[in-house]
């Protein structure tokens, strides 16, 4: 999994930080989402997916890995 952020779409609601704090942070300056881990460990995948769904601005994109390494 790879997480991609579009800070231009972020509305600073903080839902992602509440849902997956290991992966997302929030800037103290402007409240925009920050990324702590672009490639989180598998145990965090459900929370990251939920954060993407809950994001009111649609600022989070989750790219799922395809195939086997």
C-alpha atoms as a PDB file:
ATOM      1  CA  UNK A   1       0.000   0.000   0.000  1.00  0.00           C
ATOM      2  CA  UNK A   2       1.091   3.522  -0.751  1.00  0.00           C
ATOM      3  CA  UNK A   3      -0.613   6.619   0.669  1.00  0.00           C
ATOM      4  CA  UNK A   4      -0.741   9.804  -1.401  1.00  0.00           C
ATOM      5  CA  UNK A   5      -1.900  13.179  -0.097  1.00  0.00           C
ATOM      6  CA  UNK A   6      -3.274  16.162  -1.970  1.00  0.00           C
ATOM      7  CA  UNK A   7      -2.838  19.002   0.505  1.00  0.00           C
ATOM      8  CA  UNK A   8      -4.701  21.356  -1.836  1.00  0.00           C
ATOM      9  CA  UNK A   9      -7.858  19.326  -1.123  1.00  0.00           C
ATOM     10  CA  UNK A  10      -7.300  19.078   2.637  1.00  0.00           C
ATOM     11  CA  UNK A  11      -9.903  20.976   4.687  1.00  0.00           C
ATOM     12  CA  UNK A  12      -8.129  20.376   8.024  1.00  0.00           C
ATOM     13  CA  UNK A  13     -10.920  18.317   9.595  1.00  0.00           C
ATOM     14  CA  UNK A  14      -8.414  16.013  11.318  1.00  0.00           C
ATOM     15  CA  UNK A  15     -10.454  12.853  10.721  1.00  0.00           C
ATOM     16  CA  UNK A  16      -7.395  11.104   9.283  1.00  0.00           C
ATOM     17  CA  UNK A  17      -5.298  11.920  12.345  1.00  0.00           C
ATOM     18  CA  UNK A  18      -7.994  10.595  14.666  1.00  0.00           C
ATOM     19  CA  UNK A  19      -8.407   7.430  12.587  1.00  0.00           C
ATOM     20  CA  UNK A  20      -4.769   6.570  11.810  1.00  0.00           C
ATOM     21  CA  UNK A  21      -2.403   8.690  13.937  1.00  0.00           C
ATOM     22  CA  UNK A  22       0.534   6.433  13.125  1.00  0.00           C
ATOM     23  CA  UNK A  23       0.210   7.386   9.440  1.00  0.00           C
ATOM     24  CA  UNK A  24      -1.199  10.928   9.450  1.00  0.00           C
ATOM     25  CA  UNK A  25      -0.305  14.092  11.302  1.00  0.00           C
ATOM     26  CA  UNK A  26      -1.533  17.655  11.177  1.00  0.00           C
ATOM     27  CA  UNK A  27       0.552  20.791  10.680  1.00  0.00           C
ATOM     28  CA  UNK A  28       0.623  23.155  13.646  1.00  0.00           C
ATOM     29  CA  UNK A  29       0.860  26.128  11.268  1.00  0.00           C
ATOM     30  CA  UNK A  30      -2.171  25.624   9.038  1.00  0.00           C
ATOM     31  CA  UNK A  31      -3.832  22.403  10.204  1.00  0.00           C
ATOM     32  CA  UNK A  32      -3.200  20.616   6.909  1.00  0.00           C
ATOM     33  CA  UNK A  33      -2.615  16.888   6.861  1.00  0.00           C
ATOM     34  CA  UNK A  34       0.949  15.599   6.942  1.00  0.00           C
ATOM     35  CA  UNK A  35       2.148  12.117   6.126  1.00  0.00           C
ATOM     36  CA  UNK A  36       4.142  10.186   8.717  1.00  0.00           C
ATOM     37  CA  UNK A  37       4.328   6.972   6.668  1.00  0.00           C
ATOM     38  CA  UNK A  38       3.809   6.746   2.918  1.00  0.00           C
ATOM     39  CA  UNK A  39       4.038   2.951   3.059  1.00  0.00           C
ATOM     40  CA  UNK A  40       2.444   1.823   6.315  1.00  0.00           C
ATOM     41  CA  UNK A  41       2.747  -1.675   7.698  1.00  0.00           C
ATOM     42  CA  UNK A  42      -0.085  -4.084   6.854  1.00  0.00           C
ATOM     43  CA  UNK A  43      -1.597  -3.950  10.343  1.00  0.00           C
ATOM     44  CA  UNK A  44      -2.465  -0.279   9.667  1.00  0.00           C
ATOM     45  CA  UNK A  45      -4.145  -0.855   6.284  1.00  0.00           C
ATOM     46  CA  UNK A  46      -7.738  -0.967   7.624  1.00  0.00           C
ATOM     47  CA  UNK A  47      -7.305   2.333   9.487  1.00  0.00           C
ATOM     48  CA  UNK A  48      -5.683   4.002   6.464  1.00  0.00           C
ATOM     49  CA  UNK A  49      -8.507   2.872   4.188  1.00  0.00           C
ATOM     50  CA  UNK A  50     -11.075   4.185   6.662  1.00  0.00           C
ATOM     51  CA  UNK A  51      -9.245   7.519   6.930  1.00  0.00           C
ATOM     52  CA  UNK A  52      -9.391   7.882   3.143  1.00  0.00           C
ATOM     53  CA  UNK A  53     -13.139   7.209   3.144  1.00  0.00           C
ATOM     54  CA  UNK A  54     -13.787   9.615   6.026  1.00  0.00           C
ATOM     55  CA  UNK A  55     -11.751  12.480   4.538  1.00  0.00           C
ATOM     56  CA  UNK A  56     -14.331  15.166   3.635  1.00  0.00           C
ATOM     57  CA  UNK A  57     -11.979  16.818   1.141  1.00  0.00           C
ATOM     58  CA  UNK A  58     -10.953  13.609  -0.624  1.00  0.00           C
ATOM     59  CA  UNK A  59      -7.320  14.490   0.027  1.00  0.00           C
ATOM     60  CA  UNK A  60      -6.165  10.913   0.692  1.00  0.00           C
ATOM     61  CA  UNK A  61      -5.560   8.377  -2.040  1.00  0.00           C
ATOM     62  CA  UNK A  62      -4.643   4.788  -1.239  1.00  0.00           C
ATOM     63  CA  UNK A  63      -2.855   2.768  -3.899  1.00  0.00           C
ATOM     64  CA  UNK A  64      -3.086  -0.922  -3.215  1.00  0.00           C
ATOM     65  CA  UNK A  65      -0.188  -3.178  -4.186  1.00  0.00           C
ATOM     66  CA  UNK A  66      -0.941  -5.481  -7.101  1.00  0.00           C
ATOM     67  CA  UNK A  67       0.714  -8.785  -7.806  1.00  0.00           C
ATOM     68  CA  UNK A  68       3.405 -10.389  -5.708  1.00  0.00           C
ATOM     69  CA  UNK A  69       6.936  -9.086  -5.231  1.00  0.00           C
END
